[in-house]
Amino acid sequence: QGLVVIRMGESAGQSQLALSSFDNELW
């Protein structure tokens, strides 16, 4: 898709080391 998506910030709710529920919700 020629896409780059970036996000910086505090925890979106679950303080995880990598994957969290945020990834799937955002996409």
mmCIF file of all heavy atoms, coordinates in Angstrom:
data_MODEL
# 
_entry.id   MODEL 
# 
loop_
_atom_site.group_PDB 
_atom_site.id 
_atom_site.type_symbol 
_atom_site.label_atom_id 
_atom_site.label_alt_id 
_atom_site.label_comp_id 
_atom_site.label_asym_id 
_atom_site.label_entity_id 
_atom_site.label_seq_id 
_atom_site.pdbx_PDB_ins_code 
_atom_site.Cartn_x 
_atom_site.Cartn_y 
_atom_site.Cartn_z 
_atom_site.occupancy 
_atom_site.B_iso_or_equiv 
_atom_site.pdbx_formal_charge 
_atom_site.auth_seq_id 
_atom_site.auth_comp_id 
_atom_site.auth_asym_id 
_atom_site.auth_atom_id 
_atom_site.pdbx_PDB_model_num 
ATOM 1   N N   . GLN A 1 1  ? 0.810  -1.220 0.000  1.00 0.00 ? 1  GLN A N   1 
ATOM 2   C CA  . GLN A 1 1  ? 0.000  0.000  0.000  1.00 0.00 ? 1  GLN A CA  1 
ATOM 3   C C   . GLN A 1 1  ? 0.843  1.270  0.000  1.00 0.00 ? 1  GLN A C   1 
ATOM 4   O O   . GLN A 1 1  ? 0.293  2.380  -0.010 1.00 0.00 ? 1  GLN A O   1 
ATOM 5   C CB  . GLN A 1 1  ? -0.920 0.006  1.232  1.00 0.00 ? 1  GLN A CB  1 
ATOM 6   C CG  . GLN A 1 1  ? -1.841 -1.192 1.326  1.00 0.00 ? 1  GLN A CG  1 
ATOM 7   C CD  . GLN A 1 1  ? -2.888 -1.203 0.235  1.00 0.00 ? 1  GLN A CD  1 
ATOM 8   O OE1 . GLN A 1 1  ? -3.403 -0.154 -0.150 1.00 0.00 ? 1  GLN A OE1 1 
ATOM 9   N NE2 . GLN A 1 1  ? -3.217 -2.370 -0.284 1.00 0.00 ? 1  GLN A NE2 1 
ATOM 10  N N   . GLY A 1 2  ? 2.163  1.135  0.035  1.00 0.00 ? 2  GLY A N   1 
ATOM 11  C CA  . GLY A 1 2  ? 3.025  2.309  0.110  1.00 0.00 ? 2  GLY A CA  1 
ATOM 12  C C   . GLY A 1 2  ? 2.825  3.106  1.381  1.00 0.00 ? 2  GLY A C   1 
ATOM 13  O O   . GLY A 1 2  ? 2.993  4.322  1.403  1.00 0.00 ? 2  GLY A O   1 
ATOM 14  N N   . LEU A 1 3  ? 2.487  2.403  2.471  1.00 0.00 ? 3  LEU A N   1 
ATOM 15  C CA  . LEU A 1 3  ? 2.139  3.074  3.723  1.00 0.00 ? 3  LEU A CA  1 
ATOM 16  C C   . LEU A 1 3  ? 3.241  2.966  4.768  1.00 0.00 ? 3  LEU A C   1 
ATOM 17  O O   . LEU A 1 3  ? 3.877  1.917  4.923  1.00 0.00 ? 3  LEU A O   1 
ATOM 18  C CB  . LEU A 1 3  ? 0.875  2.460  4.317  1.00 0.00 ? 3  LEU A CB  1 
ATOM 19  C CG  . LEU A 1 3  ? -0.465 2.742  3.634  1.00 0.00 ? 3  LEU A CG  1 
ATOM 20  C CD1 . LEU A 1 3  ? -1.557 1.881  4.266  1.00 0.00 ? 3  LEU A CD1 1 
ATOM 21  C CD2 . LEU A 1 3  ? -0.823 4.228  3.727  1.00 0.00 ? 3  LEU A CD2 1 
ATOM 22  N N   . VAL A 1 4  ? 3.430  4.056  5.495  1.00 0.00 ? 4  VAL A N   1 
ATOM 23  C CA  . VAL A 1 4  ? 4.180  4.067  6.756  1.00 0.00 ? 4  VAL A CA  1 
ATOM 24  C C   . VAL A 1 4  ? 3.286  4.759  7.767  1.00 0.00 ? 4  VAL A C   1 
ATOM 25  O O   . VAL A 1 4  ? 2.783  5.860  7.510  1.00 0.00 ? 4  VAL A O   1 
ATOM 26  C CB  . VAL A 1 4  ? 5.519  4.821  6.633  1.00 0.00 ? 4  VAL A CB  1 
ATOM 27  C CG1 . VAL A 1 4  ? 6.188  4.949  8.003  1.00 0.00 ? 4  VAL A CG1 1 
ATOM 28  C CG2 . VAL A 1 4  ? 6.452  4.119  5.652  1.00 0.00 ? 4  VAL A CG2 1 
ATOM 29  N N   . VAL A 1 5  ? 3.069  4.111  8.910  1.00 0.00 ? 5  VAL A N   1 
ATOM 30  C CA  . VAL A 1 5  ? 2.235  4.683  9.969  1.00 0.00 ? 5  VAL A CA  1 
ATOM 31  C C   . VAL A 1 5  ? 3.039  4.661  11.255 1.00 0.00 ? 5  VAL A C   1 
ATOM 32  O O   . VAL A 1 5  ? 3.607  3.632  11.619 1.00 0.00 ? 5  VAL A O   1 
ATOM 33  C CB  . VAL A 1 5  ? 0.923  3.884  10.151 1.00 0.00 ? 5  VAL A CB  1 
ATOM 34  C CG1 . VAL A 1 5  ? 0.076  4.482  11.267 1.00 0.00 ? 5  VAL A CG1 1 
ATOM 35  C CG2 . VAL A 1 5  ? 0.134  3.834  8.841  1.00 0.00 ? 5  VAL A CG2 1 
ATOM 36  N N   . ILE A 1 6  ? 3.115  5.808  11.943 1.00 0.00 ? 6  ILE A N   1 
ATOM 37  C CA  . ILE A 1 6  ? 3.863  5.839  13.194 1.00 0.00 ? 6  ILE A CA  1 
ATOM 38  C C   . ILE A 1 6  ? 2.978  6.392  14.312 1.00 0.00 ? 6  ILE A C   1 
ATOM 39  O O   . ILE A 1 6  ? 2.078  7.204  14.091 1.00 0.00 ? 6  ILE A O   1 
ATOM 40  C CB  . ILE A 1 6  ? 5.191  6.635  13.065 1.00 0.00 ? 6  ILE A CB  1 
ATOM 41  C CG1 . ILE A 1 6  ? 4.941  8.131  13.017 1.00 0.00 ? 6  ILE A CG1 1 
ATOM 42  C CG2 . ILE A 1 6  ? 5.975  6.183  11.849 1.00 0.00 ? 6  ILE A CG2 1 
ATOM 43  C CD1 . ILE A 1 6  ? 5.283  8.807  14.313 1.00 0.00 ? 6  ILE A CD1 1 
ATOM 44  N N   . ARG A 1 7  ? 3.261  5.906  15.501 1.00 0.00 ? 7  ARG A N   1 
ATOM 45  C CA  . ARG A 1 7  ? 2.561  6.384  16.701 1.00 0.00 ? 7  ARG A CA  1 
ATOM 46  C C   . ARG A 1 7  ? 3.551  6.462  17.838 1.00 0.00 ? 7  ARG A C   1 
ATOM 47  O O   . ARG A 1 7  ? 4.285  5.513  18.119 1.00 0.00 ? 7  ARG A O   1 
ATOM 48  C CB  . ARG A 1 7  ? 1.425  5.420  17.051 1.00 0.00 ? 7  ARG A CB  1 
ATOM 49  C CG  . ARG A 1 7  ? 0.517  5.896  18.198 1.00 0.00 ? 7  ARG A CG  1 
ATOM 50  C CD  . ARG A 1 7  ? 0.930  5.374  19.562 1.00 0.00 ? 7  ARG A CD  1 
ATOM 51  N NE  . ARG A 1 7  ? -0.049 5.737  20.603 1.00 0.00 ? 7  ARG A NE  1 
ATOM 52  C CZ  . ARG A 1 7  ? 0.158  5.588  21.917 1.00 0.00 ? 7  ARG A CZ  1 
ATOM 53  N NH1 . ARG A 1 7  ? 1.299  5.091  22.373 1.00 0.00 ? 7  ARG A NH1 1 
ATOM 54  N NH2 . ARG A 1 7  ? -0.776 5.945  22.779 1.00 0.00 ? 7  ARG A NH2 1 
ATOM 55  N N   . MET A 1 8  ? 3.598  7.606  18.522 1.00 0.00 ? 8  MET A N   1 
ATOM 56  C CA  . MET A 1 8  ? 4.374  7.802  19.745 1.00 0.00 ? 8  MET A CA  1 
ATOM 57  C C   . MET A 1 8  ? 3.406  8.164  20.865 1.00 0.00 ? 8  MET A C   1 
ATOM 58  O O   . MET A 1 8  ? 2.382  8.801  20.622 1.00 0.00 ? 8  MET A O   1 
ATOM 59  C CB  . MET A 1 8  ? 5.372  8.948  19.597 1.00 0.00 ? 8  MET A CB  1 
ATOM 60  C CG  . MET A 1 8  ? 6.594  8.681  18.781 1.00 0.00 ? 8  MET A CG  1 
ATOM 61  S SD  . MET A 1 8  ? 7.643  10.174 18.692 1.00 0.00 ? 8  MET A SD  1 
ATOM 62  C CE  . MET A 1 8  ? 9.203  9.430  18.217 1.00 0.00 ? 8  MET A CE  1 
ATOM 63  N N   . GLY A 1 9  ? 3.742  7.782  22.087 1.00 0.00 ? 9  GLY A N   1 
ATOM 64  C CA  . GLY A 1 9  ? 2.909  8.198  23.202 1.00 0.00 ? 9  GLY A CA  1 
ATOM 65  C C   . GLY A 1 9  ? 3.083  7.364  24.444 1.00 0.00 ? 9  GLY A C   1 
ATOM 66  O O   . GLY A 1 9  ? 3.981  6.529  24.540 1.00 0.00 ? 9  GLY A O   1 
ATOM 67  N N   . GLU A 1 10 ? 2.199  7.621  25.399 1.00 0.00 ? 10 GLU A N   1 
ATOM 68  C CA  . GLU A 1 10 ? 2.124  6.788  26.596 1.00 0.00 ? 10 GLU A CA  1 
ATOM 69  C C   . GLU A 1 10 ? 1.397  5.500  26.237 1.00 0.00 ? 10 GLU A C   1 
ATOM 70  O O   . GLU A 1 10 ? 0.864  5.346  25.129 1.00 0.00 ? 10 GLU A O   1 
ATOM 71  C CB  . GLU A 1 10 ? 1.368  7.530  27.700 1.00 0.00 ? 10 GLU A CB  1 
ATOM 72  C CG  . GLU A 1 10 ? 1.921  8.892  28.068 1.00 0.00 ? 10 GLU A CG  1 
ATOM 73  C CD  . GLU A 1 10 ? 3.133  8.821  28.977 1.00 0.00 ? 10 GLU A CD  1 
ATOM 74  O OE1 . GLU A 1 10 ? 3.556  7.700  29.340 1.00 0.00 ? 10 GLU A OE1 1 
ATOM 75  O OE2 . GLU A 1 10 ? 3.672  9.896  29.321 1.00 0.00 ? 10 GLU A OE2 1 
ATOM 76  N N   . SER A 1 11 ? 1.342  4.577  27.178 1.00 0.00 ? 11 SER A N   1 
ATOM 77  C CA  . SER A 1 11 ? 0.614  3.339  26.950 1.00 0.00 ? 11 SER A CA  1 
ATOM 78  C C   . SER A 1 11 ? -0.827 3.627  26.540 1.00 0.00 ? 11 SER A C   1 
ATOM 79  O O   . SER A 1 11 ? -1.488 4.492  27.108 1.00 0.00 ? 11 SER A O   1 
ATOM 80  C CB  . SER A 1 11 ? 0.618  2.487  28.222 1.00 0.00 ? 11 SER A CB  1 
ATOM 81  O OG  . SER A 1 11 ? -0.306 1.432  28.119 1.00 0.00 ? 11 SER A OG  1 
ATOM 82  N N   . ALA A 1 12 ? -1.308 2.884  25.535 1.00 0.00 ? 12 ALA A N   1 
ATOM 83  C CA  . ALA A 1 12 ? -2.689 3.043  25.081 1.00 0.00 ? 12 ALA A CA  1 
ATOM 84  C C   . ALA A 1 12 ? -3.679 2.335  25.990 1.00 0.00 ? 12 ALA A C   1 
ATOM 85  O O   . ALA A 1 12 ? -4.872 2.348  25.730 1.00 0.00 ? 12 ALA A O   1 
ATOM 86  C CB  . ALA A 1 12 ? -2.836 2.521  23.659 1.00 0.00 ? 12 ALA A CB  1 
ATOM 87  N N   . GLY A 1 13 ? -3.179 1.722  27.059 1.00 0.00 ? 13 GLY A N   1 
ATOM 88  C CA  . GLY A 1 13 ? -4.078 1.085  28.021 1.00 0.00 ? 13 GLY A CA  1 
ATOM 89  C C   . GLY A 1 13 ? -3.510 -0.160 28.653 1.00 0.00 ? 13 GLY A C   1 
ATOM 90  O O   . GLY A 1 13 ? -3.711 -0.423 29.831 1.00 0.00 ? 13 GLY A O   1 
ATOM 91  N N   . GLN A 1 14 ? -2.790 -0.940 27.859 1.00 0.00 ? 14 GLN A N   1 
ATOM 92  C CA  . GLN A 1 14 ? -2.114 -2.133 28.370 1.00 0.00 ? 14 GLN A CA  1 
ATOM 93  C C   . GLN A 1 14 ? -0.615 -1.903 28.240 1.00 0.00 ? 14 GLN A C   1 
ATOM 94  O O   . GLN A 1 14 ? -0.119 -1.720 27.129 1.00 0.00 ? 14 GLN A O   1 
ATOM 95  C CB  . GLN A 1 14 ? -2.509 -3.375 27.566 1.00 0.00 ? 14 GLN A CB  1 
ATOM 96  C CG  . GLN A 1 14 ? -3.991 -3.705 27.597 1.00 0.00 ? 14 GLN A CG  1 
ATOM 97  C CD  . GLN A 1 14 ? -4.325 -4.820 26.613 1.00 0.00 ? 14 GLN A CD  1 
ATOM 98  O OE1 . GLN A 1 14 ? -3.696 -4.933 25.565 1.00 0.00 ? 14 GLN A OE1 1 
ATOM 99  N NE2 . GLN A 1 14 ? -5.284 -5.648 26.966 1.00 0.00 ? 14 GLN A NE2 1 
ATOM 100 N N   . SER A 1 15 ? 0.101  -1.925 29.345 1.00 0.00 ? 15 SER A N   1 
ATOM 101 C CA  . SER A 1 15 ? 1.532  -1.650 29.289 1.00 0.00 ? 15 SER A CA  1 
ATOM 102 C C   . SER A 1 15 ? 2.270  -2.897 28.819 1.00 0.00 ? 15 SER A C   1 
ATOM 103 O O   . SER A 1 15 ? 2.752  -3.693 29.615 1.00 0.00 ? 15 SER A O   1 
ATOM 104 C CB  . SER A 1 15 ? 2.052  -1.205 30.666 1.00 0.00 ? 15 SER A CB  1 
ATOM 105 O OG  . SER A 1 15 ? 3.419  -0.850 30.585 1.00 0.00 ? 15 SER A OG  1 
ATOM 106 N N   . GLN A 1 16 ? 2.330  -3.055 27.489 1.00 0.00 ? 16 GLN A N   1 
ATOM 107 C CA  . GLN A 1 16 ? 2.926  -4.241 26.892 1.00 0.00 ? 16 GLN A CA  1 
ATOM 108 C C   . GLN A 1 16 ? 4.290  -3.918 26.295 1.00 0.00 ? 16 GLN A C   1 
ATOM 109 O O   . GLN A 1 16 ? 4.582  -2.777 25.946 1.00 0.00 ? 16 GLN A O   1 
ATOM 110 C CB  . GLN A 1 16 ? 2.005  -4.798 25.810 1.00 0.00 ? 16 GLN A CB  1 
ATOM 111 C CG  . GLN A 1 16 ? 0.562  -5.042 26.261 1.00 0.00 ? 16 GLN A CG  1 
ATOM 112 C CD  . GLN A 1 16 ? 0.412  -6.209 27.220 1.00 0.00 ? 16 GLN A CD  1 
ATOM 113 O OE1 . GLN A 1 16 ? 1.403  -6.763 27.688 1.00 0.00 ? 16 GLN A OE1 1 
ATOM 114 N NE2 . GLN A 1 16 ? -0.813 -6.583 27.536 1.00 0.00 ? 16 GLN A NE2 1 
ATOM 115 N N   . LEU A 1 17 ? 5.094  -4.956 26.130 1.00 0.00 ? 17 LEU A N   1 
ATOM 116 C CA  . LEU A 1 17 ? 6.429  -4.777 25.579 1.00 0.00 ? 17 LEU A CA  1 
ATOM 117 C C   . LEU A 1 17 ? 6.414  -4.598 24.066 1.00 0.00 ? 17 LEU A C   1 
ATOM 118 O O   . LEU A 1 17 ? 7.304  -3.999 23.493 1.00 0.00 ? 17 LEU A O   1 
ATOM 119 C CB  . LEU A 1 17 ? 7.323  -5.968 25.929 1.00 0.00 ? 17 LEU A CB  1 
ATOM 120 C CG  . LEU A 1 17 ? 7.582  -6.203 27.419 1.00 0.00 ? 17 LEU A CG  1 
ATOM 121 C CD1 . LEU A 1 17 ? 8.487  -7.408 27.608 1.00 0.00 ? 17 LEU A CD1 1 
ATOM 122 C CD2 . LEU A 1 17 ? 8.220  -4.975 28.057 1.00 0.00 ? 17 LEU A CD2 1 
ATOM 123 N N   . ALA A 1 18 ? 5.422  -5.150 23.381 1.00 0.00 ? 18 ALA A N   1 
ATOM 124 C CA  . ALA A 1 18 ? 5.389  -5.063 21.921 1.00 0.00 ? 18 ALA A CA  1 
ATOM 125 C C   . ALA A 1 18 ? 3.944  -4.943 21.455 1.00 0.00 ? 18 ALA A C   1 
ATOM 126 O O   . ALA A 1 18 ? 3.381  -3.861 21.449 1.00 0.00 ? 18 ALA A O   1 
ATOM 127 C CB  . ALA A 1 18 ? 6.078  -6.288 21.307 1.00 0.00 ? 18 ALA A CB  1 
ATOM 128 N N   . LEU A 1 19 ? 3.350  -6.081 21.085 1.00 0.00 ? 19 LEU A N   1 
ATOM 129 C CA  . LEU A 1 19 ? 1.960  -6.080 20.627 1.00 0.00 ? 19 LEU A CA  1 
ATOM 130 C C   . LEU A 1 19 ? 1.001  -5.820 21.781 1.00 0.00 ? 19 LEU A C   1 
ATOM 131 O O   . LEU A 1 19 ? 1.208  -6.281 22.896 1.00 0.00 ? 19 LEU A O   1 
ATOM 132 C CB  . LEU A 1 19 ? 1.638  -7.441 20.003 1.00 0.00 ? 19 LEU A CB  1 
ATOM 133 C CG  . LEU A 1 19 ? 0.302  -7.576 19.279 1.00 0.00 ? 19 LEU A CG  1 
ATOM 134 C CD1 . LEU A 1 19 ? 0.351  -6.889 17.926 1.00 0.00 ? 19 LEU A CD1 1 
ATOM 135 C CD2 . LEU A 1 19 ? -0.072 -9.041 19.134 1.00 0.00 ? 19 LEU A CD2 1 
ATOM 136 N N   . SER A 1 20 ? -0.076 -5.057 21.488 1.00 0.00 ? 20 SER A N   1 
ATOM 137 C CA  . SER A 1 20 ? -1.165 -4.896 22.448 1.00 0.00 ? 20 SER A CA  1 
ATOM 138 C C   . SER A 1 20 ? -2.467 -4.859 21.658 1.00 0.00 ? 20 SER A C   1 
ATOM 139 O O   . SER A 1 20 ? -2.462 -4.872 20.421 1.00 0.00 ? 20 SER A O   1 
ATOM 140 C CB  . SER A 1 20 ? -0.995 -3.603 23.264 1.00 0.00 ? 20 SER A CB  1 
ATOM 141 O OG  . SER A 1 20 ? -1.331 -2.460 22.486 1.00 0.00 ? 20 SER A OG  1 
ATOM 142 N N   . SER A 1 21 ? -3.580 -4.764 22.338 1.00 0.00 ? 21 SER A N   1 
ATOM 143 C CA  . SER A 1 21 ? -4.866 -4.689 21.644 1.00 0.00 ? 21 SER A CA  1 
ATOM 144 C C   . SER A 1 21 ? -4.971 -3.434 20.787 1.00 0.00 ? 21 SER A C   1 
ATOM 145 O O   . SER A 1 21 ? -5.763 -3.376 19.839 1.00 0.00 ? 21 SER A O   1 
ATOM 146 C CB  . SER A 1 21 ? -6.015 -4.737 22.659 1.00 0.00 ? 21 SER A CB  1 
ATOM 147 O OG  . SER A 1 21 ? -5.918 -3.659 23.581 1.00 0.00 ? 21 SER A OG  1 
ATOM 148 N N   . PHE A 1 22 ? -4.183 -2.407 21.096 1.00 0.00 ? 22 PHE A N   1 
ATOM 149 C CA  . PHE A 1 22 ? -4.177 -1.159 20.346 1.00 0.00 ? 22 PHE A CA  1 
ATOM 150 C C   . PHE A 1 22 ? -3.894 -1.382 18.866 1.00 0.00 ? 22 PHE A C   1 
ATOM 151 O O   . PHE A 1 22 ? -4.513 -0.744 18.003 1.00 0.00 ? 22 PHE A O   1 
ATOM 152 C CB  . PHE A 1 22 ? -3.140 -0.206 20.950 1.00 0.00 ? 22 PHE A CB  1 
ATOM 153 C CG  . PHE A 1 22 ? -2.885 1.043  20.151 1.00 0.00 ? 22 PHE A CG  1 
ATOM 154 C CD1 . PHE A 1 22 ? -3.722 2.141  20.272 1.00 0.00 ? 22 PHE A CD1 1 
ATOM 155 C CD2 . PHE A 1 22 ? -1.806 1.120  19.282 1.00 0.00 ? 22 PHE A CD2 1 
ATOM 156 C CE1 . PHE A 1 22 ? -3.484 3.302  19.530 1.00 0.00 ? 22 PHE A CE1 1 
ATOM 157 C CE2 . PHE A 1 22 ? -1.562 2.267  18.539 1.00 0.00 ? 22 PHE A CE2 1 
ATOM 158 C CZ  . PHE A 1 22 ? -2.413 3.357  18.663 1.00 0.00 ? 22 PHE A CZ  1 
ATOM 159 N N   . ASP A 1 23 ? -2.961 -2.294 18.550 1.00 0.00 ? 23 ASP A N   1 
ATOM 160 C CA  . ASP A 1 23 ? -2.567 -2.499 17.158 1.00 0.00 ? 23 ASP A CA  1 
ATOM 161 C C   . ASP A 1 23 ? -3.772 -2.858 16.289 1.00 0.00 ? 23 ASP A C   1 
ATOM 162 O O   . ASP A 1 23 ? -4.012 -2.240 15.249 1.00 0.00 ? 23 ASP A O   1 
ATOM 163 C CB  . ASP A 1 23 ? -1.510 -3.610 17.068 1.00 0.00 ? 23 ASP A CB  1 
ATOM 164 C CG  . ASP A 1 23 ? -0.234 -3.269 17.797 1.00 0.00 ? 23 ASP A CG  1 
ATOM 165 O OD1 . ASP A 1 23 ? 0.663  -2.662 17.186 1.00 0.00 ? 23 ASP A OD1 1 
ATOM 166 O OD2 . ASP A 1 23 ? -0.137 -3.588 18.993 1.00 0.00 ? 23 ASP A OD2 1 
ATOM 167 N N   . ASN A 1 24 ? -4.510 -3.862 16.711 1.00 0.00 ? 24 ASN A N   1 
ATOM 168 C CA  . ASN A 1 24 ? -5.637 -4.319 15.904 1.00 0.00 ? 24 ASN A CA  1 
ATOM 169 C C   . ASN A 1 24 ? -6.775 -3.294 15.883 1.00 0.00 ? 24 ASN A C   1 
ATOM 170 O O   . ASN A 1 24 ? -7.430 -3.093 14.858 1.00 0.00 ? 24 ASN A O   1 
ATOM 171 C CB  . ASN A 1 24 ? -6.142 -5.666 16.419 1.00 0.00 ? 24 ASN A CB  1 
ATOM 172 C CG  . ASN A 1 24 ? -6.871 -6.441 15.334 1.00 0.00 ? 24 ASN A CG  1 
ATOM 173 O OD1 . ASN A 1 24 ? -6.417 -6.521 14.194 1.00 0.00 ? 24 ASN A OD1 1 
ATOM 174 N ND2 . ASN A 1 24 ? -8.009 -7.015 15.687 1.00 0.00 ? 24 ASN A ND2 1 
ATOM 175 N N   . GLU A 1 25 ? -7.000 -2.627 17.017 1.00 0.00 ? 25 GLU A N   1 
ATOM 176 C CA  . GLU A 1 25 ? -8.044 -1.595 17.066 1.00 0.00 ? 25 GLU A CA  1 
ATOM 177 C C   . GLU A 1 25 ? -7.720 -0.450 16.115 1.00 0.00 ? 25 GLU A C   1 
ATOM 178 O O   . GLU A 1 25 ? -8.581 0.030  15.367 1.00 0.00 ? 25 GLU A O   1 
ATOM 179 C CB  . GLU A 1 25 ? -8.195 -1.072 18.496 1.00 0.00 ? 25 GLU A CB  1 
ATOM 180 C CG  . GLU A 1 25 ? -8.806 -2.070 19.458 1.00 0.00 ? 25 GLU A CG  1 
ATOM 181 C CD  . GLU A 1 25 ? -8.748 -1.598 20.906 1.00 0.00 ? 25 GLU A CD  1 
ATOM 182 O OE1 . GLU A 1 25 ? -8.293 -0.453 21.147 1.00 0.00 ? 25 GLU A OE1 1 
ATOM 183 O OE2 . GLU A 1 25 ? -9.140 -2.372 21.790 1.00 0.00 ? 25 GLU A OE2 1 
ATOM 184 N N   . LEU A 1 26 ? -6.475 0.012  16.129 1.00 0.00 ? 26 LEU A N   1 
ATOM 185 C CA  . LEU A 1 26 ? -6.080 1.110  15.262 1.00 0.00 ? 26 LEU A CA  1 
ATOM 186 C C   . LEU A 1 26 ? -6.249 0.735  13.797 1.00 0.00 ? 26 LEU A C   1 
ATOM 187 O O   . LEU A 1 26 ? -6.799 1.517  12.999 1.00 0.00 ? 26 LEU A O   1 
ATOM 188 C CB  . LEU A 1 26 ? -4.636 1.524  15.537 1.00 0.00 ? 26 LEU A CB  1 
ATOM 189 C CG  . LEU A 1 26 ? -4.066 2.581  14.585 1.00 0.00 ? 26 LEU A CG  1 
ATOM 190 C CD1 . LEU A 1 26 ? -4.837 3.893  14.689 1.00 0.00 ? 26 LEU A CD1 1 
ATOM 191 C CD2 . LEU A 1 26 ? -2.581 2.815  14.845 1.00 0.00 ? 26 LEU A CD2 1 
ATOM 192 N N   . TRP A 1 27 ? -5.783 -0.443 13.415 1.00 0.00 ? 27 TRP A N   1 
ATOM 193 C CA  . TRP A 1 27 ? -5.870 -0.833 12.009 1.00 0.00 ? 27 TRP A CA  1 
ATOM 194 C C   . TRP A 1 27 ? -7.315 -1.079 11.583 1.00 0.00 ? 27 TRP A C   1 
ATOM 195 O O   . TRP A 1 27 ? -7.648 -0.897 10.410 1.00 0.00 ? 27 TRP A O   1 
ATOM 196 C CB  . TRP A 1 27 ? -4.965 -2.025 11.725 1.00 0.00 ? 27 TRP A CB  1 
ATOM 197 C CG  . TRP A 1 27 ? -3.559 -1.541 11.534 1.00 0.00 ? 27 TRP A CG  1 
ATOM 198 C CD1 . TRP A 1 27 ? -2.568 -1.479 12.466 1.00 0.00 ? 27 TRP A CD1 1 
ATOM 199 C CD2 . TRP A 1 27 ? -3.023 -0.957 10.344 1.00 0.00 ? 27 TRP A CD2 1 
ATOM 200 N NE1 . TRP A 1 27 ? -1.438 -0.907 11.940 1.00 0.00 ? 27 TRP A NE1 1 
ATOM 201 C CE2 . TRP A 1 27 ? -1.686 -0.582 10.636 1.00 0.00 ? 27 TRP A CE2 1 
ATOM 202 C CE3 . TRP A 1 27 ? -3.523 -0.726 9.067  1.00 0.00 ? 27 TRP A CE3 1 
ATOM 203 C CZ2 . TRP A 1 27 ? -0.857 0.020  9.689  1.00 0.00 ? 27 TRP A CZ2 1 
ATOM 204 C CZ3 . TRP A 1 27 ? -2.702 -0.136 8.117  1.00 0.00 ? 27 TRP A CZ3 1 
ATOM 205 C CH2 . TRP A 1 27 ? -1.386 0.236  8.427  1.00 0.00 ? 27 TRP A CH2 1 
# 
